[in-house]
């Protein structure tokens, strides 16, 4: 059991911050004698002098500086604990589980999470980066509070969030580009297609696969892009992930006669809107606002709505 109380450390910190007992007493609404007694009691309990007089003021001793530096961590932790308790008493969730399809614009997701963190710093976030049915399956299983998905969830009402455009691409030196003419399905079928694996465990699907003779399946969109840049196949990739690869000529759009661009509407889906807590609603609002701001500042190529 600690011999020194948190209140004693708080009073010592106040004395140091305000440069003396009188000013500190006025600032924290305590009497100077109360502060004086608390600090002297602290020194007596620790067996260490923490303050020394300098004229009419006081300052920390070398030992006092080290001890108060560590004590401030306790003070801050206690204040944070009280803040968390207060938020929980108001019904704020301790954690939000968010499932987001990998096609969702990564910059909008980062902005939303940054805003949420600023507003709710003590709420934990579990982020699941899903593909196709993965997020919907989490919704059905009750494992996610919010889902951002391009797949409709039966029995749930989603809110339109953003429409993501996909573009067929390959490395500029890929054999498909060497044909130097408009391409059709027969051309694509002779070459390797890169597909991102559905993250659902039970009801996976093969959206976008053209039954190409060769197929490589990966688990993450970034892996697919890396393989494309190495000339290992072709794929449809969200335009939101293509700005840098196209600008640097690491990838080039395939000249398809039809189907070179696909659009997928993405929805925001609550597991249970009525029972969702304030943090879940705040996360949904942050995602919506991030998409809105992104669309206002996007270039014509990057526009996703």
C-alpha atoms as a PDB file:
ATOM      1  CA  UNK A   1       0.000   0.000   0.000  1.00  0.00           C
ATOM      2  CA  UNK A   2       1.423   3.380  -0.994  1.00  0.00           C
ATOM      3  CA  UNK A   3       2.195   5.674   1.916  1.00  0.00           C
ATOM      4  CA  UNK A   4       1.872   8.840  -0.200  1.00  0.00           C
ATOM      5  CA  UNK A   5      -1.542   9.705  -1.596  1.00  0.00           C
ATOM      6  CA  UNK A   6      -2.319  10.935  -5.084  1.00  0.00           C
ATOM      7  CA  UNK A   7      -3.691  14.138  -3.539  1.00  0.00           C
ATOM      8  CA  UNK A   8      -0.285  14.864  -1.977  1.00  0.00           C
ATOM      9  CA  UNK A   9       1.437  14.534  -5.344  1.00  0.00           C
ATOM     10  CA  UNK A  10      -1.216  16.785  -6.920  1.00  0.00           C
ATOM     11  CA  UNK A  11      -0.649  19.461  -4.257  1.00  0.00           C
ATOM     12  CA  UNK A  12       3.116  19.278  -4.709  1.00  0.00           C
ATOM     13  CA  UNK A  13       2.679  19.674  -8.466  1.00  0.00           C
ATOM     14  CA  UNK A  14       0.478  22.725  -7.887  1.00  0.00           C
ATOM     15  CA  UNK A  15       3.018  24.359  -5.583  1.00  0.00           C
ATOM     16  CA  UNK A  16       5.741  23.877  -8.193  1.00  0.00           C
ATOM     17  CA  UNK A  17       3.549  25.029 -11.085  1.00  0.00           C
ATOM     18  CA  UNK A  18       2.465  28.254  -9.364  1.00  0.00           C
ATOM     19  CA  UNK A  19       5.808  28.975  -7.684  1.00  0.00           C
ATOM     20  CA  UNK A  20       4.695  28.914  -4.081  1.00  0.00           C
ATOM     21  CA  UNK A  21       2.144  27.857  -1.510  1.00  0.00           C
ATOM     22  CA  UNK A  22       0.040  31.034  -1.550  1.00  0.00           C
ATOM     23  CA  UNK A  23      -0.490  31.171  -5.307  1.00  0.00           C
ATOM     24  CA  UNK A  24      -1.091  27.410  -5.530  1.00  0.00           C
ATOM     25  CA  UNK A  25      -3.620  27.571  -2.690  1.00  0.00           C
ATOM     26  CA  UNK A  26      -5.573  30.284  -4.494  1.00  0.00           C
ATOM     27  CA  UNK A  27      -5.482  28.376  -7.804  1.00  0.00           C
ATOM     28  CA  UNK A  28      -6.706  25.028  -6.468  1.00  0.00           C
ATOM     29  CA  UNK A  29      -8.927  26.429  -3.708  1.00  0.00           C
ATOM     30  CA  UNK A  30      -7.003  25.031  -0.764  1.00  0.00           C
ATOM     31  CA  UNK A  31      -5.511  26.874   2.201  1.00  0.00           C
ATOM     32  CA  UNK A  32      -1.733  27.487   2.216  1.00  0.00           C
ATOM     33  CA  UNK A  33      -1.494  25.592   5.490  1.00  0.00           C
ATOM     34  CA  UNK A  34      -3.177  22.545   3.902  1.00  0.00           C
ATOM     35  CA  UNK A  35      -0.654  22.535   1.057  1.00  0.00           C
ATOM     36  CA  UNK A  36       2.248  23.091   3.418  1.00  0.00           C
ATOM     37  CA  UNK A  37       1.172  20.239   5.637  1.00  0.00           C
ATOM     38  CA  UNK A  38       0.658  17.886   2.653  1.00  0.00           C
ATOM     39  CA  UNK A  39       4.117  18.550   1.203  1.00  0.00           C
ATOM     40  CA  UNK A  40       5.907  18.271   4.549  1.00  0.00           C
ATOM     41  CA  UNK A  41       4.023  15.049   5.260  1.00  0.00           C
ATOM     42  CA  UNK A  42       5.107  13.728   1.849  1.00  0.00           C
ATOM     43  CA  UNK A  43       8.752  14.535   2.610  1.00  0.00           C
ATOM     44  CA  UNK A  44       8.453  12.872   6.000  1.00  0.00           C
ATOM     45  CA  UNK A  45       6.902   9.727   4.541  1.00  0.00           C
ATOM     46  CA  UNK A  46       9.494   9.441   1.759  1.00  0.00           C
ATOM     47  CA  UNK A  47      12.474  10.534   3.842  1.00  0.00           C
ATOM     48  CA  UNK A  48      13.499  12.880   1.005  1.00  0.00           C
ATOM     49  CA  UNK A  49      13.448  16.679   0.753  1.00  0.00           C
ATOM     50  CA  UNK A  50      11.547  17.634  -2.395  1.00  0.00           C
ATOM     51  CA  UNK A  51      11.357  21.437  -2.032  1.00  0.00           C
ATOM     52  CA  UNK A  52      13.884  24.078  -0.994  1.00  0.00           C
ATOM     53  CA  UNK A  53      13.318  27.803  -0.378  1.00  0.00           C
ATOM     54  CA  UNK A  54      14.585  30.383  -2.864  1.00  0.00           C
ATOM     55  CA  UNK A  55      13.810  33.819  -1.466  1.00  0.00           C
ATOM     56  CA  UNK A  56      10.060  33.977  -0.972  1.00  0.00           C
ATOM     57  CA  UNK A  57       9.464  31.123  -3.372  1.00  0.00           C
ATOM     58  CA  UNK A  58      10.280  27.435  -3.429  1.00  0.00           C
ATOM     59  CA  UNK A  59      11.804  25.156  -6.019  1.00  0.00           C
ATOM     60  CA  UNK A  60      12.279  21.442  -6.463  1.00  0.00           C
ATOM     61  CA  UNK A  61      15.407  19.766  -5.254  1.00  0.00           C
ATOM     62  CA  UNK A  62      17.181  17.428  -7.632  1.00  0.00           C
ATOM     63  CA  UNK A  63      15.476  14.469  -5.950  1.00  0.00           C
ATOM     64  CA  UNK A  64      12.168  16.323  -6.039  1.00  0.00           C
ATOM     65  CA  UNK A  65      12.444  16.864  -9.804  1.00  0.00           C
ATOM     66  CA  UNK A  66      12.930  13.160 -10.438  1.00  0.00           C
ATOM     67  CA  UNK A  67      10.104  12.139  -8.111  1.00  0.00           C
ATOM     68  CA  UNK A  68       7.624  14.698  -9.444  1.00  0.00           C
ATOM     69  CA  UNK A  69       8.435  13.757 -13.025  1.00  0.00           C
ATOM     70  CA  UNK A  70       7.321  10.216 -12.268  1.00  0.00           C
ATOM     71  CA  UNK A  71       4.400  11.394 -10.149  1.00  0.00           C
ATOM     72  CA  UNK A  72       3.014  13.442 -13.038  1.00  0.00           C
ATOM     73  CA  UNK A  73       2.525  10.192 -14.930  1.00  0.00           C
ATOM     74  CA  UNK A  74       0.391   8.933 -12.030  1.00  0.00           C
ATOM     75  CA  UNK A  75      -1.590  12.170 -11.960  1.00  0.00           C
ATOM     76  CA  UNK A  76      -2.240  12.061 -15.700  1.00  0.00           C
ATOM     77  CA  UNK A  77      -3.217   8.388 -15.543  1.00  0.00           C
ATOM     78  CA  UNK A  78      -5.646   9.066 -12.700  1.00  0.00           C
ATOM     79  CA  UNK A  79      -7.248  11.948 -14.607  1.00  0.00           C
ATOM     80  CA  UNK A  80      -7.555   9.763 -17.703  1.00  0.00           C
ATOM     81  CA  UNK A  81      -9.107   6.989 -15.627  1.00  0.00           C
ATOM     82  CA  UNK A  82     -11.721   9.365 -14.226  1.00  0.00           C
ATOM     83  CA  UNK A  83     -12.472  10.626 -17.725  1.00  0.00           C
ATOM     84  CA  UNK A  84     -12.971   7.091 -19.024  1.00  0.00           C
ATOM     85  CA  UNK A  85     -15.219   6.256 -16.071  1.00  0.00           C
ATOM     86  CA  UNK A  86     -17.302   9.335 -16.737  1.00  0.00           C
ATOM     87  CA  UNK A  87     -17.709   8.466 -20.400  1.00  0.00           C
ATOM     88  CA  UNK A  88     -18.663   4.886 -19.557  1.00  0.00           C
ATOM     89  CA  UNK A  89     -21.236   6.185 -17.082  1.00  0.00           C
ATOM     90  CA  UNK A  90     -22.737   8.220 -19.932  1.00  0.00           C
ATOM     91  CA  UNK A  91     -23.061   5.052 -22.034  1.00  0.00           C
ATOM     92  CA  UNK A  92     -19.889   5.396 -24.135  1.00  0.00           C
ATOM     93  CA  UNK A  93     -18.621   2.039 -25.393  1.00  0.00           C
ATOM     94  CA  UNK A  94     -15.173   0.864 -24.362  1.00  0.00           C
ATOM     95  CA  UNK A  95     -14.535  -0.498 -27.886  1.00  0.00           C
ATOM     96  CA  UNK A  96     -15.808  -0.170 -31.451  1.00  0.00           C
ATOM     97  CA  UNK A  97     -15.337  -3.048 -33.897  1.00  0.00           C
ATOM     98  CA  UNK A  98     -15.116  -1.763 -37.460  1.00  0.00           C
ATOM     99  CA  UNK A  99     -14.960  -3.936 -40.598  1.00  0.00           C
ATOM    100  CA  UNK A 100     -13.885  -2.038 -43.731  1.00  0.00           C
ATOM    101  CA  UNK A 101     -13.566  -3.484 -47.218  1.00  0.00           C
ATOM    102  CA  UNK A 102     -10.087  -2.965 -48.656  1.00  0.00           C
ATOM    103  CA  UNK A 103     -11.571  -1.108 -51.621  1.00  0.00           C
ATOM    104  CA  UNK A 104     -12.590   1.797 -49.356  1.00  0.00           C
ATOM    105  CA  UNK A 105     -10.280   4.817 -49.916  1.00  0.00           C
ATOM    106  CA  UNK A 106      -7.404   4.433 -47.481  1.00  0.00           C
ATOM    107  CA  UNK A 107      -6.904   8.184 -47.052  1.00  0.00           C
ATOM    108  CA  UNK A 108     -10.559   8.647 -46.065  1.00  0.00           C
ATOM    109  CA  UNK A 109     -10.262   5.784 -43.578  1.00  0.00           C
ATOM    110  CA  UNK A 110      -7.119   7.303 -42.042  1.00  0.00           C
ATOM    111  CA  UNK A 111      -8.798  10.697 -41.746  1.00  0.00           C
ATOM    112  CA  UNK A 112     -11.885   9.187 -40.115  1.00  0.00           C
ATOM    113  CA  UNK A 113      -9.825   7.241 -37.580  1.00  0.00           C
ATOM    114  CA  UNK A 114      -7.735  10.312 -36.807  1.00  0.00           C
ATOM    115  CA  UNK A 115     -10.850  12.379 -36.129  1.00  0.00           C
ATOM    116  CA  UNK A 116     -12.393   9.613 -34.029  1.00  0.00           C
ATOM    117  CA  UNK A 117      -9.194   9.317 -31.999  1.00  0.00           C
ATOM    118  CA  UNK A 118      -9.197  13.050 -31.284  1.00  0.00           C
ATOM    119  CA  UNK A 119     -12.819  12.974 -30.109  1.00  0.00           C
ATOM    120  CA  UNK A 120     -12.709   9.641 -28.258  1.00  0.00           C
ATOM    121  CA  UNK A 121      -9.077   8.986 -27.274  1.00  0.00           C
ATOM    122  CA  UNK A 122      -9.885   6.246 -24.764  1.00  0.00           C
ATOM    123  CA  UNK A 123     -12.192   4.139 -26.916  1.00  0.00           C
ATOM    124  CA  UNK A 124     -10.404   1.100 -28.362  1.00  0.00           C
ATOM    125  CA  UNK A 125     -10.866   0.369 -32.060  1.00  0.00           C
ATOM    126  CA  UNK A 126     -10.680  -3.050 -33.664  1.00  0.00           C
ATOM    127  CA  UNK A 127     -10.234  -2.559 -37.408  1.00  0.00           C
ATOM    128  CA  UNK A 128     -10.785  -5.549 -39.689  1.00  0.00           C
ATOM    129  CA  UNK A 129      -9.718  -5.058 -43.319  1.00  0.00           C
ATOM    130  CA  UNK A 130     -12.088  -7.317 -45.215  1.00  0.00           C
ATOM    131  CA  UNK A 131     -12.691  -8.415 -48.799  1.00  0.00           C
ATOM    132  CA  UNK A 132     -16.061  -9.058 -50.487  1.00  0.00           C
ATOM    133  CA  UNK A 133     -18.283 -11.079 -48.111  1.00  0.00           C
ATOM    134  CA  UNK A 134     -15.887 -10.838 -45.175  1.00  0.00           C
ATOM    135  CA  UNK A 135     -17.471  -7.764 -43.616  1.00  0.00           C
ATOM    136  CA  UNK A 136     -21.028  -8.981 -44.206  1.00  0.00           C
ATOM    137  CA  UNK A 137     -20.203 -12.301 -42.556  1.00  0.00           C
ATOM    138  CA  UNK A 138     -18.925 -10.428 -39.489  1.00  0.00           C
ATOM    139  CA  UNK A 139     -22.204  -8.520 -39.473  1.00  0.00           C
ATOM    140  CA  UNK A 140     -24.265 -11.719 -39.579  1.00  0.00           C
ATOM    141  CA  UNK A 141     -22.150 -13.211 -36.786  1.00  0.00           C
ATOM    142  CA  UNK A 142     -22.534 -10.125 -34.604  1.00  0.00           C
ATOM    143  CA  UNK A 143     -18.764  -9.591 -34.595  1.00  0.00           C
ATOM    144  CA  UNK A 144     -18.760  -6.018 -35.950  1.00  0.00           C
ATOM    145  CA  UNK A 145     -20.505  -2.850 -34.799  1.00  0.00           C
ATOM    146  CA  UNK A 146     -20.064  -1.098 -38.153  1.00  0.00           C
ATOM    147  CA  UNK A 147     -19.354  -2.508 -41.600  1.00  0.00           C
ATOM    148  CA  UNK A 148     -18.202  -0.698 -44.731  1.00  0.00           C
ATOM    149  CA  UNK A 149     -18.889  -3.059 -47.624  1.00  0.00           C
ATOM    150  CA  UNK A 150     -19.519  -3.214 -51.334  1.00  0.00           C
ATOM    151  CA  UNK A 151     -21.722  -6.284 -50.762  1.00  0.00           C
ATOM    152  CA  UNK A 152     -25.342  -5.880 -49.704  1.00  0.00           C
ATOM    153  CA  UNK A 153     -26.287  -7.541 -46.412  1.00  0.00           C
ATOM    154  CA  UNK A 154     -29.656  -9.262 -46.399  1.00  0.00           C
ATOM    155  CA  UNK A 155     -31.789  -8.140 -43.471  1.00  0.00           C
ATOM    156  CA  UNK A 156     -29.817  -4.937 -42.938  1.00  0.00           C
ATOM    157  CA  UNK A 157     -30.366  -1.413 -44.258  1.00  0.00           C
ATOM    158  CA  UNK A 158     -27.166   0.223 -45.412  1.00  0.00           C
ATOM    159  CA  UNK A 159     -26.460   3.885 -46.099  1.00  0.00           C
ATOM    160  CA  UNK A 160     -24.803   4.829 -49.413  1.00  0.00           C
ATOM    161  CA  UNK A 161     -21.293   5.958 -48.547  1.00  0.00           C
ATOM    162  CA  UNK A 162     -19.217   6.098 -51.730  1.00  0.00           C
ATOM    163  CA  UNK A 163     -18.980   4.563 -55.192  1.00  0.00           C
ATOM    164  CA  UNK A 164     -15.537   3.136 -55.924  1.00  0.00           C
ATOM    165  CA  UNK A 165     -14.338   2.850 -59.515  1.00  0.00           C
ATOM    166  CA  UNK A 166     -12.061  -0.029 -60.537  1.00  0.00           C
ATOM    167  CA  UNK A 167      -9.784   0.088 -63.563  1.00  0.00           C
ATOM    168  CA  UNK A 168      -8.197  -2.831 -65.405  1.00  0.00           C
ATOM    169  CA  UNK A 169      -4.410  -2.398 -65.306  1.00  0.00           C
ATOM    170  CA  UNK A 170      -1.144  -4.199 -65.941  1.00  0.00           C
ATOM    171  CA  UNK A 171       2.544  -3.330 -66.118  1.00  0.00           C
ATOM    172  CA  UNK A 172       3.335  -1.196 -69.213  1.00  0.00           C
ATOM    173  CA  UNK A 173       5.543  -3.996 -70.576  1.00  0.00           C
ATOM    174  CA  UNK A 174       2.970  -6.739 -69.978  1.00  0.00           C
ATOM    175  CA  UNK A 175       2.203  -8.821 -73.127  1.00  0.00           C
ATOM    176  CA  UNK A 176      -1.368  -7.478 -73.184  1.00  0.00           C
ATOM    177  CA  UNK A 177      -0.035  -3.984 -73.800  1.00  0.00           C
ATOM    178  CA  UNK A 178       2.321  -5.327 -76.462  1.00  0.00           C
ATOM    179  CA  UNK A 179      -0.728  -6.298 -78.579  1.00  0.00           C
ATOM    180  CA  UNK A 180      -1.174  -2.576 -79.199  1.00  0.00           C
ATOM    181  CA  UNK A 181      -4.898  -2.794 -79.970  1.00  0.00           C
ATOM    182  CA  UNK A 182      -8.246  -2.807 -78.166  1.00  0.00           C
ATOM    183  CA  UNK A 183      -8.564  -5.947 -76.038  1.00  0.00           C
ATOM    184  CA  UNK A 184     -11.484  -8.322 -75.562  1.00  0.00           C
ATOM    185  CA  UNK A 185     -12.297 -11.133 -73.168  1.00  0.00           C
ATOM    186  CA  UNK A 186     -10.431 -13.730 -75.259  1.00  0.00           C
ATOM    187  CA  UNK A 187      -7.212 -11.722 -74.909  1.00  0.00           C
ATOM    188  CA  UNK A 188      -7.542 -11.549 -71.144  1.00  0.00           C
ATOM    189  CA  UNK A 189      -8.365 -15.237 -70.774  1.00  0.00           C
ATOM    190  CA  UNK A 190      -4.902 -16.174 -72.075  1.00  0.00           C
ATOM    191  CA  UNK A 191      -3.090 -14.358 -69.288  1.00  0.00           C
ATOM    192  CA  UNK A 192      -2.799 -14.519 -65.511  1.00  0.00           C
ATOM    193  CA  UNK A 193      -5.402 -12.626 -63.519  1.00  0.00           C
ATOM    194  CA  UNK A 194      -4.664 -11.514 -59.976  1.00  0.00           C
ATOM    195  CA  UNK A 195      -7.625 -11.796 -57.608  1.00  0.00           C
ATOM    196  CA  UNK A 196      -7.943 -10.773 -53.968  1.00  0.00           C
ATOM    197  CA  UNK A 197      -9.289 -13.599 -51.805  1.00  0.00           C
ATOM    198  CA  UNK A 198     -12.701 -13.207 -50.174  1.00  0.00           C
ATOM    199  CA  UNK A 199     -12.060 -12.895 -46.431  1.00  0.00           C
ATOM    200  CA  UNK A 200     -15.343 -14.609 -45.530  1.00  0.00           C
ATOM    201  CA  UNK A 201     -14.837 -17.981 -43.871  1.00  0.00           C
ATOM    202  CA  UNK A 202     -18.085 -19.648 -44.959  1.00  0.00           C
ATOM    203  CA  UNK A 203     -19.605 -17.917 -47.986  1.00  0.00           C
ATOM    204  CA  UNK A 204     -16.740 -16.726 -50.164  1.00  0.00           C
ATOM    205  CA  UNK A 205     -17.197 -15.579 -53.749  1.00  0.00           C
ATOM    206  CA  UNK A 206     -15.100 -14.963 -56.867  1.00  0.00           C
ATOM    207  CA  UNK A 207     -16.285 -11.500 -57.900  1.00  0.00           C
ATOM    208  CA  UNK A 208     -14.494 -10.204 -60.976  1.00  0.00           C
ATOM    209  CA  UNK A 209     -12.736 -13.417 -61.999  1.00  0.00           C
ATOM    210  CA  UNK A 210     -12.893 -13.924 -65.765  1.00  0.00           C
ATOM    211  CA  UNK A 211     -12.098 -17.658 -65.717  1.00  0.00           C
ATOM    212  CA  UNK A 212      -8.622 -16.874 -66.983  1.00  0.00           C
ATOM    213  CA  UNK A 213      -6.396 -19.871 -67.673  1.00  0.00           C
ATOM    214  CA  UNK A 214      -4.017 -18.680 -64.970  1.00  0.00           C
ATOM    215  CA  UNK A 215      -5.154 -17.224 -61.676  1.00  0.00           C
ATOM    216  CA  UNK A 216      -3.257 -16.143 -58.620  1.00  0.00           C
ATOM    217  CA  UNK A 217      -5.247 -15.386 -55.458  1.00  0.00           C
ATOM    218  CA  UNK A 218      -3.804 -13.136 -52.756  1.00  0.00           C
ATOM    219  CA  UNK A 219      -5.132 -11.934 -49.414  1.00  0.00           C
ATOM    220  CA  UNK A 220      -4.517  -8.203 -49.629  1.00  0.00           C
ATOM    221  CA  UNK A 221      -5.009  -5.518 -52.240  1.00  0.00           C
ATOM    222  CA  UNK A 222      -1.511  -4.129 -51.708  1.00  0.00           C
ATOM    223  CA  UNK A 223      -0.026  -7.543 -52.521  1.00  0.00           C
ATOM    224  CA  UNK A 224      -1.946  -7.585 -55.785  1.00  0.00           C
ATOM    225  CA  UNK A 225      -0.635  -4.125 -56.715  1.00  0.00           C
ATOM    226  CA  UNK A 226       2.938  -5.158 -55.915  1.00  0.00           C
ATOM    227  CA  UNK A 227       2.635  -8.215 -58.169  1.00  0.00           C
ATOM    228  CA  UNK A 228       1.117  -6.132 -60.951  1.00  0.00           C
ATOM    229  CA  UNK A 229       4.054  -3.733 -60.794  1.00  0.00           C
ATOM    230  CA  UNK A 230       6.357  -6.729 -61.206  1.00  0.00           C
ATOM    231  CA  UNK A 231       4.572  -7.718 -64.401  1.00  0.00           C
ATOM    232  CA  UNK A 232       3.030 -10.874 -62.965  1.00  0.00           C
ATOM    233  CA  UNK A 233      -0.497 -10.436 -64.281  1.00  0.00           C
ATOM    234  CA  UNK A 234      -3.458  -8.098 -64.773  1.00  0.00           C
ATOM    235  CA  UNK A 235      -6.250  -7.075 -62.411  1.00  0.00           C
ATOM    236  CA  UNK A 236      -8.983  -4.568 -61.677  1.00  0.00           C
ATOM    237  CA  UNK A 237      -7.747  -2.164 -58.992  1.00  0.00           C
ATOM    238  CA  UNK A 238      -9.611   0.701 -57.243  1.00  0.00           C
ATOM    239  CA  UNK A 239      -8.713   4.033 -58.823  1.00  0.00           C
ATOM    240  CA  UNK A 240      -8.119   5.345 -55.316  1.00  0.00           C
ATOM    241  CA  UNK A 241      -5.005   3.126 -55.177  1.00  0.00           C
ATOM    242  CA  UNK A 242      -3.757   3.857 -58.698  1.00  0.00           C
ATOM    243  CA  UNK A 243      -2.690   7.504 -58.695  1.00  0.00           C
ATOM    244  CA  UNK A 244       0.972   6.914 -57.831  1.00  0.00           C
ATOM    245  CA  UNK A 245       1.479   3.679 -59.847  1.00  0.00           C
ATOM    246  CA  UNK A 246      -0.038   5.270 -62.965  1.00  0.00           C
ATOM    247  CA  UNK A 247       1.824   8.561 -62.557  1.00  0.00           C
ATOM    248  CA  UNK A 248       5.122   6.694 -62.170  1.00  0.00           C
ATOM    249  CA  UNK A 249       4.304   4.413 -65.139  1.00  0.00           C
ATOM    250  CA  UNK A 250       4.579   1.345 -62.939  1.00  0.00           C
ATOM    251  CA  UNK A 251       1.098   0.408 -64.187  1.00  0.00           C
ATOM    252  CA  UNK A 252      -0.976   1.353 -67.224  1.00  0.00           C
ATOM    253  CA  UNK A 253      -4.723   0.985 -67.970  1.00  0.00           C
ATOM    254  CA  UNK A 254      -5.583  -1.879 -70.308  1.00  0.00           C
ATOM    255  CA  UNK A 255      -7.282  -0.727 -73.543  1.00  0.00           C
ATOM    256  CA  UNK A 256     -10.385  -2.889 -73.195  1.00  0.00           C
ATOM    257  CA  UNK A 257     -13.195  -2.541 -75.729  1.00  0.00           C
ATOM    258  CA  UNK A 258     -15.657  -2.855 -72.830  1.00  0.00           C
ATOM    259  CA  UNK A 259     -15.485  -3.333 -69.080  1.00  0.00           C
ATOM    260  CA  UNK A 260     -12.219  -1.524 -68.496  1.00  0.00           C
ATOM    261  CA  UNK A 261     -13.876   0.437 -65.695  1.00  0.00           C
ATOM    262  CA  UNK A 262     -16.204  -1.034 -63.088  1.00  0.00           C
ATOM    263  CA  UNK A 263     -18.144   0.702 -60.345  1.00  0.00           C
ATOM    264  CA  UNK A 264     -19.012  -0.701 -56.933  1.00  0.00           C
ATOM    265  CA  UNK A 265     -21.321   1.171 -54.534  1.00  0.00           C
ATOM    266  CA  UNK A 266     -20.078   0.942 -50.959  1.00  0.00           C
ATOM    267  CA  UNK A 267     -22.448   1.096 -48.004  1.00  0.00           C
ATOM    268  CA  UNK A 268     -22.143   1.861 -44.316  1.00  0.00           C
ATOM    269  CA  UNK A 269     -24.072  -0.728 -42.289  1.00  0.00           C
ATOM    270  CA  UNK A 270     -24.833  -0.772 -38.566  1.00  0.00           C
ATOM    271  CA  UNK A 271     -25.178  -4.064 -36.746  1.00  0.00           C
ATOM    272  CA  UNK A 272     -28.012  -2.423 -34.769  1.00  0.00           C
ATOM    273  CA  UNK A 273     -28.472   1.315 -35.197  1.00  0.00           C
ATOM    274  CA  UNK A 274     -30.961   1.648 -32.326  1.00  0.00           C
ATOM    275  CA  UNK A 275     -28.678  -0.061 -29.837  1.00  0.00           C
ATOM    276  CA  UNK A 276     -25.455   1.482 -31.102  1.00  0.00           C
ATOM    277  CA  UNK A 277     -23.662   3.629 -28.535  1.00  0.00           C
ATOM    278  CA  UNK A 278     -22.324   7.161 -28.964  1.00  0.00           C
ATOM    279  CA  UNK A 279     -18.860   5.974 -30.022  1.00  0.00           C
ATOM    280  CA  UNK A 280     -20.273   3.796 -32.817  1.00  0.00           C
ATOM    281  CA  UNK A 281     -22.375   6.698 -34.088  1.00  0.00           C
ATOM    282  CA  UNK A 282     -19.322   8.955 -33.884  1.00  0.00           C
ATOM    283  CA  UNK A 283     -17.299   6.490 -35.967  1.00  0.00           C
ATOM    284  CA  UNK A 284     -20.043   6.375 -38.603  1.00  0.00           C
ATOM    285  CA  UNK A 285     -20.159  10.172 -38.716  1.00  0.00           C
ATOM    286  CA  UNK A 286     -16.370  10.387 -39.051  1.00  0.00           C
ATOM    287  CA  UNK A 287     -16.389   7.961 -42.006  1.00  0.00           C
ATOM    288  CA  UNK A 288     -19.179   9.861 -43.735  1.00  0.00           C
ATOM    289  CA  UNK A 289     -17.492  13.223 -43.215  1.00  0.00           C
ATOM    290  CA  UNK A 290     -14.121  11.944 -44.414  1.00  0.00           C
ATOM    291  CA  UNK A 291     -15.668  10.690 -47.657  1.00  0.00           C
ATOM    292  CA  UNK A 292     -17.509  13.983 -48.176  1.00  0.00           C
ATOM    293  CA  UNK A 293     -14.346  16.038 -47.703  1.00  0.00           C
ATOM    294  CA  UNK A 294     -12.389  13.699 -49.953  1.00  0.00           C
ATOM    295  CA  UNK A 295     -14.869  14.068 -52.777  1.00  0.00           C
ATOM    296  CA  UNK A 296     -14.769  17.862 -52.480  1.00  0.00           C
ATOM    297  CA  UNK A 297     -10.994  17.942 -52.886  1.00  0.00           C
ATOM    298  CA  UNK A 298     -10.458  15.043 -55.320  1.00  0.00           C
ATOM    299  CA  UNK A 299      -9.174  15.575 -58.839  1.00  0.00           C
ATOM    300  CA  UNK A 300     -11.443  14.391 -61.729  1.00  0.00           C
ATOM    301  CA  UNK A 301      -9.546  11.087 -61.974  1.00  0.00           C
ATOM    302  CA  UNK A 302      -9.790  10.491 -58.230  1.00  0.00           C
ATOM    303  CA  UNK A 303     -13.472  11.301 -57.871  1.00  0.00           C
ATOM    304  CA  UNK A 304     -15.151   8.357 -56.206  1.00  0.00           C
ATOM    305  CA  UNK A 305     -18.771   9.441 -56.102  1.00  0.00           C
END
